[in-house]
N, C-alpha and C. Protein backbone atom coordinates (compact mmCIF):
# COMPACT_ATOMS: atom_id res chain seq x y z
N MET A 1 46.82 -69.60 215.18
CA MET A 1 47.95 -68.66 215.49
C MET A 1 47.03 -67.21 216.18
N ALA A 2 47.34 -66.33 216.76
CA ALA A 2 46.61 -65.40 217.83
C ALA A 2 46.75 -63.98 216.83
N LYS A 3 45.14 -63.86 216.64
CA LYS A 3 44.97 -62.39 215.86
C LYS A 3 45.05 -61.29 216.57
N HIS A 4 45.83 -60.43 216.05
CA HIS A 4 46.41 -58.72 217.18
C HIS A 4 45.31 -57.99 216.20
N ILE A 5 44.97 -57.11 217.18
CA ILE A 5 43.78 -56.12 216.82
C ILE A 5 45.10 -55.17 216.64
N LEU A 6 44.89 -54.25 215.22
CA LEU A 6 45.72 -53.34 215.31
C LEU A 6 45.14 -51.86 214.99
N THR A 7 45.69 -50.66 215.38
CA THR A 7 44.63 -49.56 214.86
C THR A 7 45.28 -48.89 213.58
N GLN A 8 44.54 -48.12 212.84
CA GLN A 8 44.80 -48.25 211.20
C GLN A 8 46.12 -47.64 211.21
N GLN A 9 46.40 -46.80 212.27
CA GLN A 9 47.04 -45.93 212.40
C GLN A 9 49.16 -46.89 212.60
N GLY A 10 48.64 -47.98 213.19
CA GLY A 10 49.43 -48.51 213.99
C GLY A 10 49.85 -49.93 212.84
N GLN A 11 48.83 -50.32 212.40
CA GLN A 11 49.03 -51.13 210.96
C GLN A 11 49.57 -50.12 210.30
N GLN A 12 49.91 -49.10 209.49
CA GLN A 12 50.27 -48.74 208.54
C GLN A 12 51.65 -48.10 209.00
N GLN A 13 52.00 -47.63 210.55
CA GLN A 13 53.51 -47.93 211.01
C GLN A 13 54.38 -49.18 210.77
N LEU A 14 53.22 -50.19 210.68
CA LEU A 14 54.24 -51.57 210.71
C LEU A 14 54.47 -51.87 209.09
N LYS A 15 53.46 -51.38 208.38
CA LYS A 15 53.37 -51.50 207.24
C LYS A 15 54.72 -50.50 206.53
N ASP A 16 55.07 -49.57 207.08
CA ASP A 16 56.24 -48.58 206.55
C ASP A 16 57.68 -49.11 207.19
N GLU A 17 57.30 -49.92 208.29
CA GLU A 17 58.60 -50.27 208.77
C GLU A 17 59.16 -51.65 208.14
N LEU A 18 57.90 -52.28 207.53
CA LEU A 18 58.61 -53.65 206.82
C LEU A 18 58.63 -52.94 204.97
N GLU A 19 58.46 -51.87 204.74
CA GLU A 19 58.69 -51.47 203.34
C GLU A 19 59.98 -51.00 203.34
N GLU A 20 60.23 -50.26 204.73
CA GLU A 20 61.83 -49.53 204.62
C GLU A 20 63.02 -51.02 204.91
N LEU A 21 62.59 -52.01 205.51
CA LEU A 21 63.32 -52.87 205.54
C LEU A 21 63.79 -53.51 204.48
N GLN A 22 62.78 -53.70 203.79
CA GLN A 22 62.91 -54.67 202.34
C GLN A 22 63.40 -53.80 201.64
N LYS A 23 62.81 -52.63 201.27
CA LYS A 23 63.59 -52.04 199.93
C LYS A 23 64.79 -51.26 200.26
N ASN A 24 65.11 -51.08 201.68
CA ASN A 24 66.14 -49.80 202.15
C ASN A 24 67.62 -50.85 202.66
N ILE A 25 67.22 -51.52 204.22
CA ILE A 25 68.07 -51.53 205.05
C ILE A 25 68.81 -53.07 204.38
N ARG A 26 67.98 -54.17 204.01
CA ARG A 26 68.15 -55.45 203.48
C ARG A 26 69.27 -55.26 202.58
N PRO A 27 69.06 -54.05 201.30
CA PRO A 27 69.67 -54.25 200.30
C PRO A 27 71.22 -53.86 200.70
N GLU A 28 71.11 -52.63 201.93
CA GLU A 28 72.16 -51.65 202.41
C GLU A 28 73.14 -52.60 202.94
N THR A 29 73.06 -53.74 203.89
CA THR A 29 73.31 -54.86 204.37
C THR A 29 73.69 -55.52 203.36
N LEU A 30 73.13 -56.20 202.51
CA LEU A 30 73.53 -56.97 201.30
C LEU A 30 74.54 -56.49 200.66
N ARG A 31 74.87 -55.02 200.22
CA ARG A 31 75.99 -54.66 199.55
C ARG A 31 77.40 -54.09 200.52
N GLN A 32 76.84 -54.32 201.95
CA GLN A 32 77.94 -54.14 202.49
C GLN A 32 78.37 -55.58 203.15
N MET A 33 77.81 -56.84 203.21
CA MET A 33 78.58 -58.24 202.96
C MET A 33 79.40 -58.36 201.89
N ARG A 34 78.80 -58.09 200.77
CA ARG A 34 79.68 -58.42 199.63
C ARG A 34 80.75 -57.60 199.23
N GLU A 35 80.78 -55.83 199.96
CA GLU A 35 82.33 -55.55 199.81
C GLU A 35 83.42 -56.19 200.81
N ALA A 36 82.40 -56.17 201.80
CA ALA A 36 83.45 -57.51 202.87
C ALA A 36 84.01 -58.24 202.75
N ARG A 37 83.12 -58.85 201.95
CA ARG A 37 83.28 -60.51 201.54
C ARG A 37 84.49 -60.17 200.28
N GLU A 38 84.84 -59.38 199.56
CA GLU A 38 86.20 -59.13 198.21
C GLU A 38 87.03 -58.71 199.17
N LEU A 39 87.30 -58.27 200.53
CA LEU A 39 88.36 -58.50 201.28
C LEU A 39 89.24 -59.27 201.92
N GLY A 40 88.70 -60.41 201.68
CA GLY A 40 89.10 -61.86 201.70
C GLY A 40 88.83 -62.77 202.91
N ASP A 41 89.94 -63.24 203.67
CA ASP A 41 89.53 -64.34 204.56
C ASP A 41 88.27 -63.89 205.26
N LEU A 42 87.60 -64.86 205.00
CA LEU A 42 86.06 -64.29 206.15
C LEU A 42 86.10 -64.88 207.74
N LYS A 43 86.75 -66.06 207.98
CA LYS A 43 87.49 -66.35 208.94
C LYS A 43 87.26 -64.92 210.02
N GLU A 44 88.30 -64.15 209.42
CA GLU A 44 88.66 -63.07 210.34
C GLU A 44 88.38 -61.08 210.16
N ASN A 45 87.16 -61.59 209.06
CA ASN A 45 86.61 -60.33 208.69
C ASN A 45 85.84 -59.80 209.51
N GLY A 46 85.74 -58.97 210.23
CA GLY A 46 85.13 -58.63 210.91
C GLY A 46 83.99 -57.68 210.66
N ALA A 47 83.98 -57.06 209.38
CA ALA A 47 82.93 -56.43 208.98
C ALA A 47 82.20 -57.43 208.08
N TYR A 48 82.44 -58.44 207.67
CA TYR A 48 81.87 -59.43 207.09
C TYR A 48 81.03 -59.70 207.94
N HIS A 49 81.57 -60.16 209.23
CA HIS A 49 80.58 -61.00 210.59
C HIS A 49 79.72 -59.96 210.80
N ALA A 50 79.94 -59.00 210.98
CA ALA A 50 78.65 -57.78 211.36
C ALA A 50 77.70 -57.73 210.31
N ALA A 51 78.30 -57.56 209.22
CA ALA A 51 77.49 -57.41 208.59
C ALA A 51 76.30 -58.66 207.93
N ARG A 52 76.42 -60.12 208.48
CA ARG A 52 75.83 -60.85 208.15
C ARG A 52 75.18 -61.32 209.16
N ASN A 53 75.86 -60.70 211.04
CA ASN A 53 74.70 -60.38 211.83
C ASN A 53 73.30 -60.15 211.74
N LYS A 54 74.01 -58.77 211.01
CA LYS A 54 73.00 -57.45 210.98
C LYS A 54 71.89 -57.88 210.09
N LEU A 55 72.42 -58.67 208.70
CA LEU A 55 71.09 -59.26 208.32
C LEU A 55 70.40 -60.44 208.61
N ALA A 56 71.11 -61.36 209.60
CA ALA A 56 70.12 -61.60 210.43
C ALA A 56 69.36 -61.14 211.04
N MET A 57 69.64 -60.27 211.89
CA MET A 57 68.82 -59.45 212.70
C MET A 57 67.35 -58.81 211.78
N VAL A 58 68.39 -57.91 210.37
CA VAL A 58 67.16 -57.50 209.65
C VAL A 58 65.87 -58.42 209.20
N GLN A 59 66.49 -59.77 208.46
CA GLN A 59 65.52 -60.74 207.74
C GLN A 59 64.75 -61.12 209.30
N GLY A 60 64.90 -61.24 210.52
CA GLY A 60 64.34 -61.36 211.15
C GLY A 60 63.09 -60.61 211.63
N ARG A 61 62.77 -59.37 211.71
CA ARG A 61 62.55 -58.44 211.74
C ARG A 61 61.41 -58.41 210.85
N ILE A 62 61.79 -58.45 209.54
CA ILE A 62 60.94 -58.82 208.27
C ILE A 62 59.84 -59.86 208.47
N ASP A 63 60.45 -60.92 208.97
CA ASP A 63 59.86 -62.51 209.27
C ASP A 63 58.54 -61.97 210.45
N ASP A 64 59.14 -61.11 211.24
CA ASP A 64 58.32 -61.01 212.26
C ASP A 64 57.19 -60.07 212.14
N LEU A 65 57.37 -58.42 211.10
CA LEU A 65 56.60 -57.73 210.25
C LEU A 65 55.42 -58.37 209.54
N GLU A 66 55.55 -59.20 208.74
CA GLU A 66 55.03 -60.01 208.05
C GLU A 66 54.01 -61.14 208.68
N GLN A 67 54.40 -61.65 209.69
CA GLN A 67 53.49 -62.55 210.67
C GLN A 67 52.57 -61.84 211.36
N ILE A 68 53.03 -60.54 211.36
CA ILE A 68 52.11 -59.47 212.52
C ILE A 68 50.97 -59.03 211.55
N LEU A 69 51.63 -58.75 210.61
CA LEU A 69 50.33 -58.02 208.83
C LEU A 69 49.19 -59.11 208.91
N GLN A 70 49.60 -60.43 208.94
CA GLN A 70 49.09 -61.47 208.27
C GLN A 70 47.72 -62.15 209.19
N ASN A 71 48.66 -62.02 210.17
CA ASN A 71 47.72 -62.31 211.28
C ASN A 71 47.03 -61.38 212.29
N SER A 72 46.64 -60.43 211.74
CA SER A 72 46.31 -58.59 212.00
C SER A 72 44.71 -58.40 212.01
N THR A 73 44.09 -58.02 211.81
CA THR A 73 42.74 -57.53 212.05
C THR A 73 42.70 -55.77 212.47
N LEU A 74 41.93 -54.96 211.66
CA LEU A 74 41.95 -53.60 212.05
C LEU A 74 40.55 -53.63 213.04
N GLN A 75 41.02 -52.65 214.29
CA GLN A 75 39.96 -52.35 215.13
C GLN A 75 38.91 -51.68 214.45
N ASN A 76 37.56 -52.09 214.52
CA ASN A 76 36.48 -51.54 214.09
C ASN A 76 36.40 -50.16 214.55
N GLN A 77 36.06 -49.15 213.75
CA GLN A 77 36.07 -47.50 214.58
C GLN A 77 34.54 -47.67 214.90
N ALA A 78 33.16 -48.38 214.04
CA ALA A 78 32.36 -48.17 214.47
C ALA A 78 31.67 -48.81 215.94
N SER A 79 32.26 -48.34 216.83
CA SER A 79 32.04 -49.31 218.06
C SER A 79 30.88 -48.38 218.86
N VAL A 80 30.90 -49.62 220.41
CA VAL A 80 30.33 -49.03 220.92
C VAL A 80 30.65 -47.50 221.55
N ALA A 81 29.64 -46.27 222.09
CA ALA A 81 30.40 -45.40 222.51
C ALA A 81 30.79 -45.79 223.77
N GLY A 82 31.70 -44.67 224.19
CA GLY A 82 31.93 -44.75 225.41
C GLY A 82 32.58 -45.78 226.49
N ILE A 83 32.61 -46.93 225.69
CA ILE A 83 33.18 -48.37 225.99
C ILE A 83 34.81 -48.38 225.58
N VAL A 84 35.54 -48.56 226.43
CA VAL A 84 37.21 -48.60 226.02
C VAL A 84 37.44 -49.91 225.27
N GLN A 85 38.14 -49.76 224.00
CA GLN A 85 38.59 -50.93 223.50
C GLN A 85 39.75 -50.35 222.70
N VAL A 86 40.60 -51.17 221.69
CA VAL A 86 41.93 -51.18 220.98
C VAL A 86 41.43 -50.08 219.95
N GLY A 87 42.01 -48.82 220.14
CA GLY A 87 41.48 -47.82 219.36
C GLY A 87 41.53 -46.51 220.20
N SER A 88 40.79 -46.73 221.69
CA SER A 88 40.59 -45.42 222.20
C SER A 88 41.03 -44.84 222.88
N SER A 89 40.58 -43.98 222.93
CA SER A 89 41.57 -42.32 223.50
C SER A 89 40.35 -42.36 225.07
N ILE A 90 41.28 -42.62 225.91
CA ILE A 90 40.97 -42.55 227.44
C ILE A 90 41.21 -41.36 228.41
N SER A 91 40.52 -40.89 228.81
CA SER A 91 40.84 -40.00 230.31
C SER A 91 40.35 -40.29 231.14
N ILE A 92 41.53 -40.18 232.21
CA ILE A 92 40.85 -41.16 233.53
C ILE A 92 41.53 -40.27 234.61
N THR A 93 40.92 -40.38 235.77
CA THR A 93 41.42 -39.82 237.00
C THR A 93 42.27 -40.77 237.60
N VAL A 94 43.22 -40.37 238.51
CA VAL A 94 43.92 -41.12 239.34
C VAL A 94 44.67 -40.32 240.70
N ASN A 95 44.08 -40.78 241.95
CA ASN A 95 44.50 -39.78 242.95
C ASN A 95 44.35 -38.46 242.73
N GLY A 96 43.14 -37.94 242.21
CA GLY A 96 42.77 -36.63 241.74
C GLY A 96 43.31 -35.85 240.74
N MET A 97 44.12 -36.50 239.81
CA MET A 97 45.32 -36.28 238.51
C MET A 97 44.39 -36.91 237.07
N GLU A 98 44.48 -35.92 236.37
CA GLU A 98 43.72 -36.08 234.92
C GLU A 98 44.61 -36.92 234.46
N ARG A 99 44.44 -37.97 233.40
CA ARG A 99 45.60 -38.42 232.24
C ARG A 99 44.91 -38.81 231.13
N THR A 100 45.15 -38.67 230.10
CA THR A 100 44.75 -39.20 228.98
C THR A 100 46.01 -40.03 228.04
N PHE A 101 45.42 -41.15 227.59
CA PHE A 101 46.16 -42.10 226.74
C PHE A 101 45.43 -42.79 225.67
N MET A 102 46.03 -43.79 225.02
CA MET A 102 45.22 -44.51 224.08
C MET A 102 45.47 -45.47 224.21
N LEU A 103 45.09 -46.83 224.04
CA LEU A 103 44.59 -48.05 224.20
C LEU A 103 45.20 -48.47 222.75
N VAL A 104 46.43 -49.41 223.00
CA VAL A 104 46.73 -49.99 221.42
C VAL A 104 46.98 -51.27 221.76
N SER A 105 47.47 -51.85 220.46
CA SER A 105 47.98 -53.13 220.26
C SER A 105 49.90 -53.48 221.01
N GLU A 106 50.01 -54.35 221.31
CA GLU A 106 50.85 -55.02 222.28
C GLU A 106 52.31 -53.75 221.11
N HIS A 107 51.86 -54.22 219.61
CA HIS A 107 53.03 -53.80 218.49
C HIS A 107 52.54 -52.18 218.61
N GLU A 108 51.97 -51.45 219.04
CA GLU A 108 52.23 -49.85 218.83
C GLU A 108 52.57 -49.31 220.24
N ALA A 109 52.23 -49.84 221.29
CA ALA A 109 52.47 -49.33 222.87
C ALA A 109 53.84 -48.68 222.78
N ASP A 110 53.73 -47.66 223.16
CA ASP A 110 54.96 -46.60 223.27
C ASP A 110 54.86 -45.35 224.12
N LEU A 111 55.30 -46.07 226.06
CA LEU A 111 54.23 -45.19 226.93
C LEU A 111 55.13 -43.57 227.18
N ASP A 112 56.06 -43.54 226.10
CA ASP A 112 56.55 -41.97 225.98
C ASP A 112 55.61 -41.20 225.18
N LYS A 113 54.86 -41.63 224.44
CA LYS A 113 53.55 -41.16 223.54
C LYS A 113 52.17 -41.72 223.96
N ASP A 114 52.03 -42.16 225.71
CA ASP A 114 50.85 -42.24 226.20
C ASP A 114 50.05 -43.30 225.47
N LYS A 115 50.56 -44.16 224.74
CA LYS A 115 50.29 -45.41 224.08
C LYS A 115 50.60 -46.52 225.14
N VAL A 116 49.02 -47.22 225.47
CA VAL A 116 49.80 -48.41 226.46
C VAL A 116 49.04 -49.54 225.81
N SER A 117 49.40 -50.37 225.86
CA SER A 117 49.53 -51.95 225.36
C SER A 117 47.97 -52.70 225.84
N VAL A 118 47.20 -53.18 225.18
CA VAL A 118 45.70 -53.82 225.57
C VAL A 118 46.06 -55.12 226.20
N GLU A 119 47.47 -55.68 226.00
CA GLU A 119 48.17 -56.75 226.65
C GLU A 119 48.33 -56.51 228.20
N SER A 120 48.83 -55.40 228.56
CA SER A 120 49.77 -55.20 230.07
C SER A 120 48.66 -54.83 230.75
N PRO A 121 48.94 -54.82 232.31
CA PRO A 121 48.10 -55.88 233.42
C PRO A 121 47.18 -54.31 233.48
N LEU A 122 47.49 -52.99 232.71
CA LEU A 122 46.40 -51.85 232.90
C LEU A 122 45.53 -51.76 231.52
N GLY A 123 46.00 -52.03 231.05
CA GLY A 123 45.13 -52.33 229.43
C GLY A 123 44.50 -53.30 229.80
N GLN A 124 44.60 -54.50 230.34
CA GLN A 124 43.41 -55.74 230.56
C GLN A 124 41.96 -55.30 231.16
N VAL A 125 42.71 -53.97 232.79
CA VAL A 125 41.58 -54.02 233.42
C VAL A 125 40.70 -52.83 232.87
N LEU A 126 41.37 -52.16 231.74
CA LEU A 126 40.67 -51.09 231.36
C LEU A 126 39.67 -51.29 230.10
N LEU A 127 40.01 -52.54 229.31
CA LEU A 127 39.45 -52.95 228.12
C LEU A 127 38.21 -53.58 228.55
N GLY A 128 37.04 -53.02 228.12
CA GLY A 128 35.58 -53.09 228.48
C GLY A 128 34.69 -52.18 229.30
N ALA A 129 35.71 -51.55 230.09
CA ALA A 129 35.26 -50.82 230.92
C ALA A 129 34.32 -49.52 229.79
N SER A 130 33.49 -48.98 230.85
CA SER A 130 32.74 -48.01 230.16
C SER A 130 33.10 -46.15 231.27
N ILE A 131 32.43 -45.12 230.75
CA ILE A 131 32.59 -44.12 231.25
C ILE A 131 32.12 -43.83 232.52
N GLY A 132 32.44 -43.36 233.68
CA GLY A 132 32.27 -43.67 235.03
C GLY A 132 32.56 -44.68 235.73
N GLN A 133 33.26 -45.57 235.14
CA GLN A 133 33.28 -46.81 235.76
C GLN A 133 34.33 -46.89 236.40
N LYS A 134 34.50 -47.42 237.70
CA LYS A 134 36.37 -47.29 238.33
C LYS A 134 36.73 -48.83 238.46
N VAL A 135 38.24 -49.02 237.59
CA VAL A 135 38.44 -49.97 237.88
C VAL A 135 39.97 -50.16 238.94
N GLU A 136 39.89 -51.06 239.34
CA GLU A 136 41.39 -51.32 239.91
C GLU A 136 42.50 -51.80 239.29
N PHE A 137 43.77 -51.53 239.61
CA PHE A 137 44.80 -51.97 238.98
C PHE A 137 45.89 -52.12 240.04
N GLU A 138 46.07 -53.43 240.11
CA GLU A 138 47.82 -53.63 241.15
C GLU A 138 48.76 -53.42 240.73
N ALA A 139 49.19 -52.42 241.07
CA ALA A 139 50.48 -51.43 240.49
C ALA A 139 51.48 -52.19 241.61
N PRO A 140 52.75 -52.44 241.28
CA PRO A 140 53.90 -52.43 242.07
C PRO A 140 54.11 -51.91 243.35
N ALA A 141 53.41 -50.49 243.39
CA ALA A 141 53.63 -49.59 244.46
C ALA A 141 51.99 -50.45 245.56
N GLY A 142 51.08 -50.87 244.98
CA GLY A 142 49.92 -51.05 245.78
C GLY A 142 48.76 -50.79 244.56
N LYS A 143 47.59 -51.14 245.00
CA LYS A 143 46.35 -50.91 244.17
C LYS A 143 45.98 -49.43 244.33
N VAL A 144 45.68 -49.61 242.45
CA VAL A 144 45.50 -47.89 242.34
C VAL A 144 43.71 -48.06 241.63
N ILE A 145 43.04 -47.25 241.28
CA ILE A 145 41.82 -46.92 241.30
C ILE A 145 41.65 -45.58 240.46
N TYR A 146 41.39 -46.18 239.25
CA TYR A 146 41.53 -45.52 238.03
C TYR A 146 39.87 -45.32 237.71
N GLU A 147 39.84 -44.18 237.57
CA GLU A 147 37.98 -43.59 236.78
C GLU A 147 38.19 -43.12 235.92
N ILE A 148 36.97 -43.63 234.79
CA ILE A 148 37.59 -43.53 233.74
C ILE A 148 36.09 -42.12 233.60
N LYS A 149 36.47 -41.29 232.56
CA LYS A 149 35.95 -39.33 232.91
C LYS A 149 35.52 -39.64 231.09
N THR A 150 36.67 -40.13 230.02
CA THR A 150 35.59 -39.59 228.35
C THR A 150 36.67 -40.98 227.71
N VAL A 151 35.53 -41.71 227.08
CA VAL A 151 36.64 -42.79 225.68
C VAL A 151 36.08 -41.92 224.37
N VAL A 152 36.65 -41.90 223.79
CA VAL A 152 36.71 -41.54 222.24
C VAL A 152 37.17 -42.50 221.46
């Protein structure tokens, strides 16, 4: 099984989500199932079937989170300065414009929060690059060249 590399913040977010699912969401869904079951005929009981489907989704997410956390390692923060790695905050220029984002695992990626997955095509070309280096990225609109300005 492949190891997932997580930032400390990302690992904590996954642990928090798992705890919320186990302590609040699953018990509430089980309560909804019990109440719906008490209404009678299960064949045509929409509330029961909806709660059962929700429980299956919740349990699936719990299983996924447990697997991810069991098969993950934390990014070592004592890393080589100036080299892009998981957890690095990167400032780049592209077409004269500067952009800053963080390179994270696929489980932490969120473009709205400027968190780019290391597994994405962009993440793959940036991983291991260093300050001052130019990397080429094949975007849907064509080739783009990024210059790495800072890595923290």
